[in-house]
Amino acid sequence: MLDEGHSGLVVVAASDLGDRVERHIKRARKVTTKQLKADEKVVERDIEEATSASGQTQQQQVMAESEAAVREAEAEAAEAERAAEQYSTTGPRPATTW
């Protein structure tokens, strides 16, 4: 449990990296370590799946962000056009008679 205004950091690393990780956590008031056991083959498979899926997911995310940016730009352009019409139009032109 963390008190309000406090934060925590969870680092999962290979056991031989533990000392290096702790050296980089300079302002920690408390460090707790726990040895986890994992099936290396399952971990490797999960990493491969995540890597291949993340490439597709990343591409989908980029496309969605691009589409959203286009929609936002179109909405801003339409709003600017409406504002320009409002401020540039002073009323109907008087009819000219010759």
PDB file of N, CA and C in Angstrom:
ATOM      1  N   MET A   1       0.846  -1.180   0.000  1.00  0.00           N
ATOM      2  CA  MET A   1       0.000   0.000   0.000  1.00  0.00           C
ATOM      3  C   MET A   1       0.888   1.238   0.000  1.00  0.00           C
ATOM      4  N   LEU A   2       0.505   2.213  -0.770  1.00  0.00           N
ATOM      5  CA  LEU A   2       1.230   3.478  -0.824  1.00  0.00           C
ATOM      6  C   LEU A   2       0.363   4.571  -0.214  1.00  0.00           C
ATOM      7  N   ASP A   3       0.987   5.433   0.534  1.00  0.00           N
ATOM      8  CA  ASP A   3       0.272   6.579   1.075  1.00  0.00           C
ATOM      9  C   ASP A   3       0.065   7.599  -0.026  1.00  0.00           C
ATOM     10  N   GLU A   4      -0.951   8.433   0.135  1.00  0.00           N
ATOM     11  CA  GLU A   4      -1.210   9.480  -0.839  1.00  0.00           C
ATOM     12  C   GLU A   4       0.029  10.364  -0.977  1.00  0.00           C
ATOM     13  N   GLY A   5       0.375  10.684  -2.220  1.00  0.00           N
ATOM     14  CA  GLY A   5       1.541  11.516  -2.477  1.00  0.00           C
ATOM     15  C   GLY A   5       2.832  10.738  -2.606  1.00  0.00           C
ATOM     16  N   HIS A   6       2.765   9.423  -2.459  1.00  0.00           N
ATOM     17  CA  HIS A   6       3.947   8.579  -2.602  1.00  0.00           C
ATOM     18  C   HIS A   6       3.819   7.758  -3.878  1.00  0.00           C
ATOM     19  N   SER A   7       4.916   7.215  -4.321  1.00  0.00           N
ATOM     20  CA  SER A   7       4.887   6.398  -5.525  1.00  0.00           C
ATOM     21  C   SER A   7       5.727   5.153  -5.322  1.00  0.00           C
ATOM     22  N   GLY A   8       5.523   4.215  -6.205  1.00  0.00           N
ATOM     23  CA  GLY A   8       6.282   2.973  -6.150  1.00  0.00           C
ATOM     24  C   GLY A   8       6.781   2.621  -7.536  1.00  0.00           C
ATOM     25  N   LEU A   9       7.754   1.769  -7.587  1.00  0.00           N
ATOM     26  CA  LEU A   9       8.337   1.337  -8.845  1.00  0.00           C
ATOM     27  C   LEU A   9       8.530  -0.166  -8.784  1.00  0.00           C
ATOM     28  N   VAL A  10       8.029  -0.845  -9.796  1.00  0.00           N
ATOM     29  CA  VAL A  10       8.218  -2.287  -9.891  1.00  0.00           C
ATOM     30  C   VAL A  10       9.131  -2.536 -11.075  1.00  0.00           C
ATOM     31  N   VAL A  11      10.232  -3.210 -10.824  1.00  0.00           N
ATOM     32  CA  VAL A  11      11.185  -3.530 -11.883  1.00  0.00           C
ATOM     33  C   VAL A  11      11.307  -5.041 -11.947  1.00  0.00           C
ATOM     34  N   VAL A  12      11.115  -5.566 -13.131  1.00  0.00           N
ATOM     35  CA  VAL A  12      11.310  -6.997 -13.345  1.00  0.00           C
ATOM     36  C   VAL A  12      12.537  -7.119 -14.230  1.00  0.00           C
ATOM     37  N   ALA A  13      13.553  -7.773 -13.710  1.00  0.00           N
ATOM     38  CA  ALA A  13      14.810  -7.881 -14.448  1.00  0.00           C
ATOM     39  C   ALA A  13      15.442  -9.239 -14.169  1.00  0.00           C
ATOM     40  N   ALA A  14      16.350  -9.606 -15.023  1.00  0.00           N
ATOM     41  CA  ALA A  14      17.102 -10.840 -14.803  1.00  0.00           C
ATOM     42  C   ALA A  14      17.861 -10.725 -13.490  1.00  0.00           C
ATOM     43  N   SER A  15      18.035 -11.837 -12.824  1.00  0.00           N
ATOM     44  CA  SER A  15      18.648 -11.818 -11.492  1.00  0.00           C
ATOM     45  C   SER A  15      20.047 -11.218 -11.489  1.00  0.00           C
ATOM     46  N   ASP A  16      20.782 -11.360 -12.586  1.00  0.00           N
ATOM     47  CA  ASP A  16      22.134 -10.808 -12.603  1.00  0.00           C
ATOM     48  C   ASP A  16      22.135  -9.284 -12.799  1.00  0.00           C
ATOM     49  N   LEU A  17      20.980  -8.666 -12.995  1.00  0.00           N
ATOM     50  CA  LEU A  17      20.896  -7.212 -13.153  1.00  0.00           C
ATOM     51  C   LEU A  17      20.435  -6.507 -11.877  1.00  0.00           C
ATOM     52  N   GLY A  18      20.122  -7.261 -10.845  1.00  0.00           N
ATOM     53  CA  GLY A  18      19.597  -6.690  -9.617  1.00  0.00           C
ATOM     54  C   GLY A  18      20.467  -5.601  -9.013  1.00  0.00           C
ATOM     55  N   ASP A  19      21.760  -5.837  -8.906  1.00  0.00           N
ATOM     56  CA  ASP A  19      22.666  -4.841  -8.330  1.00  0.00           C
ATOM     57  C   ASP A  19      22.707  -3.573  -9.185  1.00  0.00           C
ATOM     58  N   ARG A  20      22.724  -3.733 -10.493  1.00  0.00           N
ATOM     59  CA  ARG A  20      22.756  -2.559 -11.384  1.00  0.00           C
ATOM     60  C   ARG A  20      21.480  -1.735 -11.238  1.00  0.00           C
ATOM     61  N   VAL A  21      20.343  -2.421 -11.131  1.00  0.00           N
ATOM     62  CA  VAL A  21      19.069  -1.708 -10.974  1.00  0.00           C
ATOM     63  C   VAL A  21      19.081  -0.923  -9.665  1.00  0.00           C
ATOM     64  N   GLU A  22      19.488  -1.554  -8.580  1.00  0.00           N
ATOM     65  CA  GLU A  22      19.514  -0.882  -7.277  1.00  0.00           C
ATOM     66  C   GLU A  22      20.439   0.327  -7.271  1.00  0.00           C
ATOM     67  N   ARG A  23      21.549   0.275  -8.003  1.00  0.00           N
ATOM     68  CA  ARG A  23      22.457   1.430  -8.067  1.00  0.00           C
ATOM     69  C   ARG A  23      21.787   2.636  -8.726  1.00  0.00           C
ATOM     70  N   HIS A  24      20.844   2.389  -9.625  1.00  0.00           N
ATOM     71  CA  HIS A  24      20.171   3.490 -10.337  1.00  0.00           C
ATOM     72  C   HIS A  24      18.970   4.037  -9.572  1.00  0.00           C
ATOM     73  N   ILE A  25      18.545   3.340  -8.561  1.00  0.00           N
ATOM     74  CA  ILE A  25      17.433   3.817  -7.735  1.00  0.00           C
ATOM     75  C   ILE A  25      18.050   4.510  -6.529  1.00  0.00           C
ATOM     76  N   LYS A  26      18.368   5.785  -6.691  1.00  0.00           N
ATOM     77  CA  LYS A  26      19.139   6.502  -5.680  1.00  0.00           C
ATOM     78  C   LYS A  26      18.299   7.072  -4.547  1.00  0.00           C
ATOM     79  N   ARG A  27      17.055   7.443  -4.811  1.00  0.00           N
ATOM     80  CA  ARG A  27      16.263   8.129  -3.795  1.00  0.00           C
ATOM     81  C   ARG A  27      15.249   7.217  -3.119  1.00  0.00           C
ATOM     82  N   ALA A  28      15.358   5.934  -3.328  1.00  0.00           N
ATOM     83  CA  ALA A  28      14.402   5.006  -2.727  1.00  0.00           C
ATOM     84  C   ALA A  28      14.608   4.929  -1.218  1.00  0.00           C
ATOM     85  N   ARG A  29      13.512   4.989  -0.503  1.00  0.00           N
ATOM     86  CA  ARG A  29      13.592   4.840   0.959  1.00  0.00           C
ATOM     87  C   ARG A  29      13.646   3.377   1.352  1.00  0.00           C
ATOM     88  N   LYS A  30      13.067   2.532   0.494  1.00  0.00           N
ATOM     89  CA  LYS A  30      13.041   1.112   0.800  1.00  0.00           C
ATOM     90  C   LYS A  30      13.086   0.334  -0.509  1.00  0.00           C
ATOM     91  N   VAL A  31      13.864  -0.722  -0.530  1.00  0.00           N
ATOM     92  CA  VAL A  31      13.943  -1.594  -1.695  1.00  0.00           C
ATOM     93  C   VAL A  31      13.631  -3.004  -1.235  1.00  0.00           C
ATOM     94  N   THR A  32      12.675  -3.618  -1.893  1.00  0.00           N
ATOM     95  CA  THR A  32      12.307  -4.990  -1.572  1.00  0.00           C
ATOM     96  C   THR A  32      12.532  -5.823  -2.818  1.00  0.00           C
ATOM     97  N   THR A  33      13.199  -6.948  -2.662  1.00  0.00           N
ATOM     98  CA  THR A  33      13.434  -7.812  -3.819  1.00  0.00           C
ATOM     99  C   THR A  33      12.779  -9.156  -3.581  1.00  0.00           C
ATOM    100  N   LYS A  34      12.360  -9.761  -4.672  1.00  0.00           N
ATOM    101  CA  LYS A  34      11.749 -11.080  -4.588  1.00  0.00           C
ATOM    102  C   LYS A  34      12.182 -11.870  -5.811  1.00  0.00           C
ATOM    103  N   GLN A  35      12.668 -13.051  -5.582  1.00  0.00           N
ATOM    104  CA  GLN A  35      13.093 -13.922  -6.675  1.00  0.00           C
ATOM    105  C   GLN A  35      11.859 -14.571  -7.285  1.00  0.00           C
ATOM    106  N   LEU A  36      11.692 -14.411  -8.580  1.00  0.00           N
ATOM    107  CA  LEU A  36      10.586 -15.032  -9.288  1.00  0.00           C
ATOM    108  C   LEU A  36      11.112 -16.170 -10.134  1.00  0.00           C
ATOM    109  N   LYS A  37      10.309 -17.184 -10.301  1.00  0.00           N
ATOM    110  CA  LYS A  37      10.692 -18.298 -11.155  1.00  0.00           C
ATOM    111  C   LYS A  37       9.786 -18.282 -12.371  1.00  0.00           C
ATOM    112  N   ALA A  38      10.376 -18.479 -13.530  1.00  0.00           N
ATOM    113  CA  ALA A  38       9.601 -18.469 -14.761  1.00  0.00           C
ATOM    114  C   ALA A  38      10.127 -19.523 -15.709  1.00  0.00           C
ATOM    115  N   ASP A  39       9.236 -20.035 -16.520  1.00  0.00           N
ATOM    116  CA  ASP A  39       9.607 -20.989 -17.556  1.00  0.00           C
ATOM    117  C   ASP A  39      10.205 -20.186 -18.704  1.00  0.00           C
ATOM    118  N   GLU A  40      11.496 -20.353 -18.945  1.00  0.00           N
ATOM    119  CA  GLU A  40      12.198 -19.551 -19.950  1.00  0.00           C
ATOM    120  C   GLU A  40      11.589 -19.695 -21.341  1.00  0.00           C
ATOM    121  N   LYS A  41      11.160 -20.887 -21.711  1.00  0.00           N
ATOM    122  CA  LYS A  41      10.565 -21.088 -23.030  1.00  0.00           C
ATOM    123  C   LYS A  41       9.256 -20.311 -23.167  1.00  0.00           C
ATOM    124  N   VAL A  42       8.468 -20.311 -22.119  1.00  0.00           N
ATOM    125  CA  VAL A  42       7.206 -19.577 -22.146  1.00  0.00           C
ATOM    126  C   VAL A  42       7.482 -18.076 -22.225  1.00  0.00           C
ATOM    127  N   VAL A  43       8.459 -17.607 -21.483  1.00  0.00           N
ATOM    128  CA  VAL A  43       8.814 -16.187 -21.507  1.00  0.00           C
ATOM    129  C   VAL A  43       9.291 -15.792 -22.897  1.00  0.00           C
ATOM    130  N   GLU A  44      10.150 -16.592 -23.493  1.00  0.00           N
ATOM    131  CA  GLU A  44      10.641 -16.301 -24.848  1.00  0.00           C
ATOM    132  C   GLU A  44       9.484 -16.258 -25.847  1.00  0.00           C
ATOM    133  N   ARG A  45       8.561 -17.214 -25.742  1.00  0.00           N
ATOM    134  CA  ARG A  45       7.415 -17.240 -26.647  1.00  0.00           C
ATOM    135  C   ARG A  45       6.549 -15.990 -26.448  1.00  0.00           C
ATOM    136  N   ASP A  46       6.319 -15.609 -25.198  1.00  0.00           N
ATOM    137  CA  ASP A  46       5.522 -14.409 -24.908  1.00  0.00           C
ATOM    138  C   ASP A  46       6.183 -13.151 -25.479  1.00  0.00           C
ATOM    139  N   ILE A  47       7.503 -13.087 -25.355  1.00  0.00           N
ATOM    140  CA  ILE A  47       8.232 -11.928 -25.888  1.00  0.00           C
ATOM    141  C   ILE A  47       8.101 -11.887 -27.404  1.00  0.00           C
ATOM    142  N   GLU A  48       8.247 -13.028 -28.064  1.00  0.00           N
ATOM    143  CA  GLU A  48       8.116 -13.078 -29.522  1.00  0.00           C
ATOM    144  C   GLU A  48       6.713 -12.664 -29.953  1.00  0.00           C
ATOM    145  N   GLU A  49       5.693 -13.165 -29.255  1.00  0.00           N
ATOM    146  CA  GLU A  49       4.316 -12.810 -29.588  1.00  0.00           C
ATOM    147  C   GLU A  49       4.074 -11.314 -29.381  1.00  0.00           C
ATOM    148  N   ALA A  50       4.573 -10.789 -28.288  1.00  0.00           N
ATOM    149  CA  ALA A  50       4.386  -9.367 -27.989  1.00  0.00           C
ATOM    150  C   ALA A  50       5.096  -8.509 -29.020  1.00  0.00           C
ATOM    151  N   THR A  51       6.279  -8.938 -29.439  1.00  0.00           N
ATOM    152  CA  THR A  51       7.042  -8.173 -30.418  1.00  0.00           C
ATOM    153  C   THR A  51       6.329  -8.145 -31.760  1.00  0.00           C
ATOM    154  N   SER A  52       5.855  -9.287 -32.230  1.00  0.00           N
ATOM    155  CA  SER A  52       5.170  -9.316 -33.525  1.00  0.00           C
ATOM    156  C   SER A  52       3.834  -8.600 -33.439  1.00  0.00           C
ATOM    157  N   ALA A  53       3.112  -8.741 -32.356  1.00  0.00           N
ATOM    158  CA  ALA A  53       1.826  -8.059 -32.195  1.00  0.00           C
ATOM    159  C   ALA A  53       2.022  -6.567 -32.011  1.00  0.00           C
ATOM    160  N   SER A  54       3.103  -6.169 -31.332  1.00  0.00           N
ATOM    161  CA  SER A  54       3.306  -4.738 -31.083  1.00  0.00           C
ATOM    162  C   SER A  54       3.593  -3.991 -32.371  1.00  0.00           C
ATOM    163  N   GLY A  55       4.228  -4.643 -33.331  1.00  0.00           N
ATOM    164  CA  GLY A  55       4.469  -3.992 -34.616  1.00  0.00           C
ATOM    165  C   GLY A  55       3.157  -3.673 -35.312  1.00  0.00           C
ATOM    166  N   GLN A  56       2.231  -4.625 -35.306  1.00  0.00           N
ATOM    167  CA  GLN A  56       0.917  -4.397 -35.910  1.00  0.00           C
ATOM    168  C   GLN A  56       0.131  -3.388 -35.088  1.00  0.00           C
ATOM    169  N   THR A  57       0.161  -3.544 -33.781  1.00  0.00           N
ATOM    170  CA  THR A  57      -0.572  -2.639 -32.903  1.00  0.00           C
ATOM    171  C   THR A  57      -0.036  -1.227 -33.043  1.00  0.00           C
ATOM    172  N   GLN A  58       1.263  -1.092 -33.123  1.00  0.00           N
ATOM    173  CA  GLN A  58       1.868   0.229 -33.254  1.00  0.00           C
ATOM    174  C   GLN A  58       1.441   0.871 -34.570  1.00  0.00           C
ATOM    175  N   GLN A  59       1.412   0.107 -35.638  1.00  0.00           N
ATOM    176  CA  GLN A  59       0.992   0.633 -36.934  1.00  0.00           C
ATOM    177  C   GLN A  59      -0.473   1.052 -36.873  1.00  0.00           C
ATOM    178  N   GLN A  60      -1.316   0.250 -36.240  1.00  0.00           N
ATOM    179  CA  GLN A  60      -2.730   0.603 -36.100  1.00  0.00           C
ATOM    180  C   GLN A  60      -2.890   1.868 -35.270  1.00  0.00           C
ATOM    181  N   GLN A  61      -2.091   1.990 -34.228  1.00  0.00           N
ATOM    182  CA  GLN A  61      -2.163   3.172 -33.376  1.00  0.00           C
ATOM    183  C   GLN A  61      -1.748   4.418 -34.150  1.00  0.00           C
ATOM    184  N   VAL A  62      -0.678   4.319 -34.931  1.00  0.00           N
ATOM    185  CA  VAL A  62      -0.214   5.451 -35.726  1.00  0.00           C
ATOM    186  C   VAL A  62      -1.289   5.863 -36.726  1.00  0.00           C
ATOM    187  N   MET A  63      -1.925   4.890 -37.369  1.00  0.00           N
ATOM    188  CA  MET A  63      -2.995   5.192 -38.328  1.00  0.00           C
ATOM    189  C   MET A  63      -4.161   5.879 -37.629  1.00  0.00           C
ATOM    190  N   ALA A  64      -4.552   5.377 -36.472  1.00  0.00           N
ATOM    191  CA  ALA A  64      -5.665   5.972 -35.737  1.00  0.00           C
ATOM    192  C   ALA A  64      -5.333   7.398 -35.311  1.00  0.00           C
ATOM    193  N   GLU A  65      -4.103   7.619 -34.859  1.00  0.00           N
ATOM    194  CA  GLU A  65      -3.695   8.966 -34.460  1.00  0.00           C
ATOM    195  C   GLU A  65      -3.675   9.910 -35.660  1.00  0.00           C
ATOM    196  N   SER A  66      -3.222   9.415 -36.804  1.00  0.00           N
ATOM    197  CA  SER A  66      -3.200  10.234 -38.013  1.00  0.00           C
ATOM    198  C   SER A  66      -4.615  10.605 -38.439  1.00  0.00           C
ATOM    199  N   GLU A  67      -5.502   9.629 -38.424  1.00  0.00           N
ATOM    200  CA  GLU A  67      -6.888   9.896 -38.801  1.00  0.00           C
ATOM    201  C   GLU A  67      -7.533  10.896 -37.845  1.00  0.00           C
ATOM    202  N   ALA A  68      -7.250  10.762 -36.561  1.00  0.00           N
ATOM    203  CA  ALA A  68      -7.788  11.694 -35.571  1.00  0.00           C
ATOM    204  C   ALA A  68      -7.242  13.101 -35.803  1.00  0.00           C
ATOM    205  N   ALA A  69      -5.971  13.200 -36.141  1.00  0.00           N
ATOM    206  CA  ALA A  69      -5.364  14.508 -36.404  1.00  0.00           C
ATOM    207  C   ALA A  69      -5.990  15.153 -37.635  1.00  0.00           C
ATOM    208  N   VAL A  70      -6.275  14.348 -38.658  1.00  0.00           N
ATOM    209  CA  VAL A  70      -6.912  14.878 -39.869  1.00  0.00           C
ATOM    210  C   VAL A  70      -8.318  15.384 -39.528  1.00  0.00           C
ATOM    211  N   ARG A  71      -9.081  14.590 -38.771  1.00  0.00           N
ATOM    212  CA  ARG A  71     -10.430  15.023 -38.385  1.00  0.00           C
ATOM    213  C   ARG A  71     -10.379  16.312 -37.573  1.00  0.00           C
ATOM    214  N   GLU A  72      -9.425  16.405 -36.654  1.00  0.00           N
ATOM    215  CA  GLU A  72      -9.290  17.608 -35.836  1.00  0.00           C
ATOM    216  C   GLU A  72      -8.921  18.817 -36.698  1.00  0.00           C
ATOM    217  N   ALA A  73      -8.009  18.630 -37.637  1.00  0.00           N
ATOM    218  CA  ALA A  73      -7.608  19.724 -38.521  1.00  0.00           C
ATOM    219  C   ALA A  73      -8.777  20.161 -39.396  1.00  0.00           C
ATOM    220  N   GLU A  74      -9.556  19.209 -39.884  1.00  0.00           N
ATOM    221  CA  GLU A  74     -10.729  19.551 -40.694  1.00  0.00           C
ATOM    222  C   GLU A  74     -11.746  20.337 -39.873  1.00  0.00           C
ATOM    223  N   ALA A  75     -11.976  19.920 -38.632  1.00  0.00           N
ATOM    224  CA  ALA A  75     -12.918  20.630 -37.765  1.00  0.00           C
ATOM    225  C   ALA A  75     -12.419  22.043 -37.473  1.00  0.00           C
ATOM    226  N   GLU A  76     -11.127  22.188 -37.212  1.00  0.00           N
ATOM    227  CA  GLU A  76     -10.562  23.519 -36.949  1.00  0.00           C
ATOM    228  C   GLU A  76     -10.659  24.401 -38.189  1.00  0.00           C
ATOM    229  N   ALA A  77     -10.426  23.835 -39.373  1.00  0.00           N
ATOM    230  CA  ALA A  77     -10.520  24.606 -40.615  1.00  0.00           C
ATOM    231  C   ALA A  77     -11.954  25.056 -40.854  1.00  0.00           C
ATOM    232  N   ALA A  78     -12.909  24.157 -40.606  1.00  0.00           N
ATOM    233  CA  ALA A  78     -14.318  24.516 -40.784  1.00  0.00           C
ATOM    234  C   ALA A  78     -14.715  25.618 -39.810  1.00  0.00           C
ATOM    235  N   GLU A  79     -14.270  25.531 -38.573  1.00  0.00           N
ATOM    236  CA  GLU A  79     -14.562  26.559 -37.574  1.00  0.00           C
ATOM    237  C   GLU A  79     -13.931  27.891 -37.970  1.00  0.00           C
ATOM    238  N   ALA A  80     -12.715  27.861 -38.442  1.00  0.00           N
ATOM    239  CA  ALA A  80     -12.039  29.089 -38.878  1.00  0.00           C
ATOM    240  C   ALA A  80     -12.774  29.698 -40.064  1.00  0.00           C
ATOM    241  N   GLU A  81     -13.250  28.854 -40.957  1.00  0.00           N
ATOM    242  CA  GLU A  81     -13.988  29.353 -42.117  1.00  0.00           C
ATOM    243  C   GLU A  81     -15.294  30.011 -41.681  1.00  0.00           C
ATOM    244  N   ARG A  82     -16.000  29.388 -40.743  1.00  0.00           N
ATOM    245  CA  ARG A  82     -17.240  29.982 -40.223  1.00  0.00           C
ATOM    246  C   ARG A  82     -16.957  31.320 -39.545  1.00  0.00           C
ATOM    247  N   ALA A  83     -15.892  31.369 -38.761  1.00  0.00           N
ATOM    248  CA  ALA A  83     -15.533  32.614 -38.078  1.00  0.00           C
ATOM    249  C   ALA A  83     -15.164  33.692 -39.081  1.00  0.00           C
ATOM    250  N   ALA A  84     -14.432  33.334 -40.113  1.00  0.00           N
ATOM    251  CA  ALA A  84     -14.040  34.303 -41.139  1.00  0.00           C
ATOM    252  C   ALA A  84     -15.268  34.841 -41.851  1.00  0.00           C
ATOM    253  N   GLU A  85     -16.217  33.968 -42.161  1.00  0.00           N
ATOM    254  CA  GLU A  85     -17.453  34.417 -42.812  1.00  0.00           C
ATOM    255  C   GLU A  85     -18.239  35.362 -41.914  1.00  0.00           C
ATOM    256  N   GLN A  86     -18.284  35.035 -40.640  1.00  0.00           N
ATOM    257  CA  GLN A  86     -19.038  35.853 -39.688  1.00  0.00           C
ATOM    258  C   GLN A  86     -18.440  37.259 -39.585  1.00  0.00           C
ATOM    259  N   TYR A  87     -17.132  37.340 -39.501  1.00  0.00           N
ATOM    260  CA  TYR A  87     -16.488  38.635 -39.312  1.00  0.00           C
ATOM    261  C   TYR A  87     -16.304  39.409 -40.613  1.00  0.00           C
ATOM    262  N   SER A  88     -16.295  38.724 -41.734  1.00  0.00           N
ATOM    263  CA  SER A  88     -16.079  39.428 -42.993  1.00  0.00           C
ATOM    264  C   SER A  88     -17.394  39.871 -43.630  1.00  0.00           C
ATOM    265  N   THR A  89     -18.479  39.297 -43.218  1.00  0.00           N
ATOM    266  CA  THR A  89     -19.767  39.654 -43.794  1.00  0.00           C
ATOM    267  C   THR A  89     -20.412  40.739 -42.944  1.00  0.00           C
ATOM    268  N   THR A  90     -20.665  41.864 -43.559  1.00  0.00           N
ATOM    269  CA  THR A  90     -21.272  42.969 -42.813  1.00  0.00           C
ATOM    270  C   THR A  90     -22.721  43.139 -43.187  1.00  0.00           C
ATOM    271  N   GLY A  91     -23.217  42.294 -43.981  1.00  0.00           N
ATOM    272  CA  GLY A  91     -24.604  42.381 -44.402  1.00  0.00           C
ATOM    273  C   GLY A  91     -24.672  42.370 -45.915  1.00  0.00           C
ATOM    274  N   PRO A  92     -25.887  42.346 -46.437  1.00  0.00           N
ATOM    275  CA  PRO A  92     -26.010  42.314 -47.893  1.00  0.00           C
ATOM    276  C   PRO A  92     -25.550  43.632 -48.514  1.00  0.00           C
ATOM    277  N   ARG A  93     -24.982  43.536 -49.676  1.00  0.00           N
ATOM    278  CA  ARG A  93     -24.548  44.744 -50.400  1.00  0.00           C
ATOM    279  C   ARG A  93     -25.776  45.496 -50.922  1.00  0.00           C
ATOM    280  N   PRO A  94     -25.694  46.785 -50.851  1.00  0.00           N
ATOM    281  CA  PRO A  94     -26.823  47.546 -51.400  1.00  0.00           C
ATOM    282  C   PRO A  94     -26.911  47.385 -52.916  1.00  0.00           C
ATOM    283  N   ALA A  95     -28.097  47.338 -53.384  1.00  0.00           N
ATOM    284  CA  ALA A  95     -28.292  47.197 -54.839  1.00  0.00           C
ATOM    285  C   ALA A  95     -27.888  48.475 -55.535  1.00  0.00           C
ATOM    286  N   THR A  96     -27.223  48.326 -56.640  1.00  0.00           N
ATOM    287  CA  THR A  96     -26.797  49.514 -57.399  1.00  0.00           C
ATOM    288  C   THR A  96     -27.799  49.775 -58.513  1.00  0.00           C
ATOM    289  N   THR A  97     -28.136  51.013 -58.638  1.00  0.00           N
ATOM    290  CA  THR A  97     -29.026  51.396 -59.732  1.00  0.00           C
ATOM    291  C   THR A  97     -28.292  52.322 -60.672  1.00  0.00           C
ATOM    292  N   TRP A  98     -28.465  52.160 -61.921  1.00  0.00           N
ATOM    293  CA  TRP A  98     -27.775  52.997 -62.902  1.00  0.00           C
ATOM    294  C   TRP A  98     -28.752  53.881 -63.538  1.00  0.00           C
TER     295      TRP A  98
END
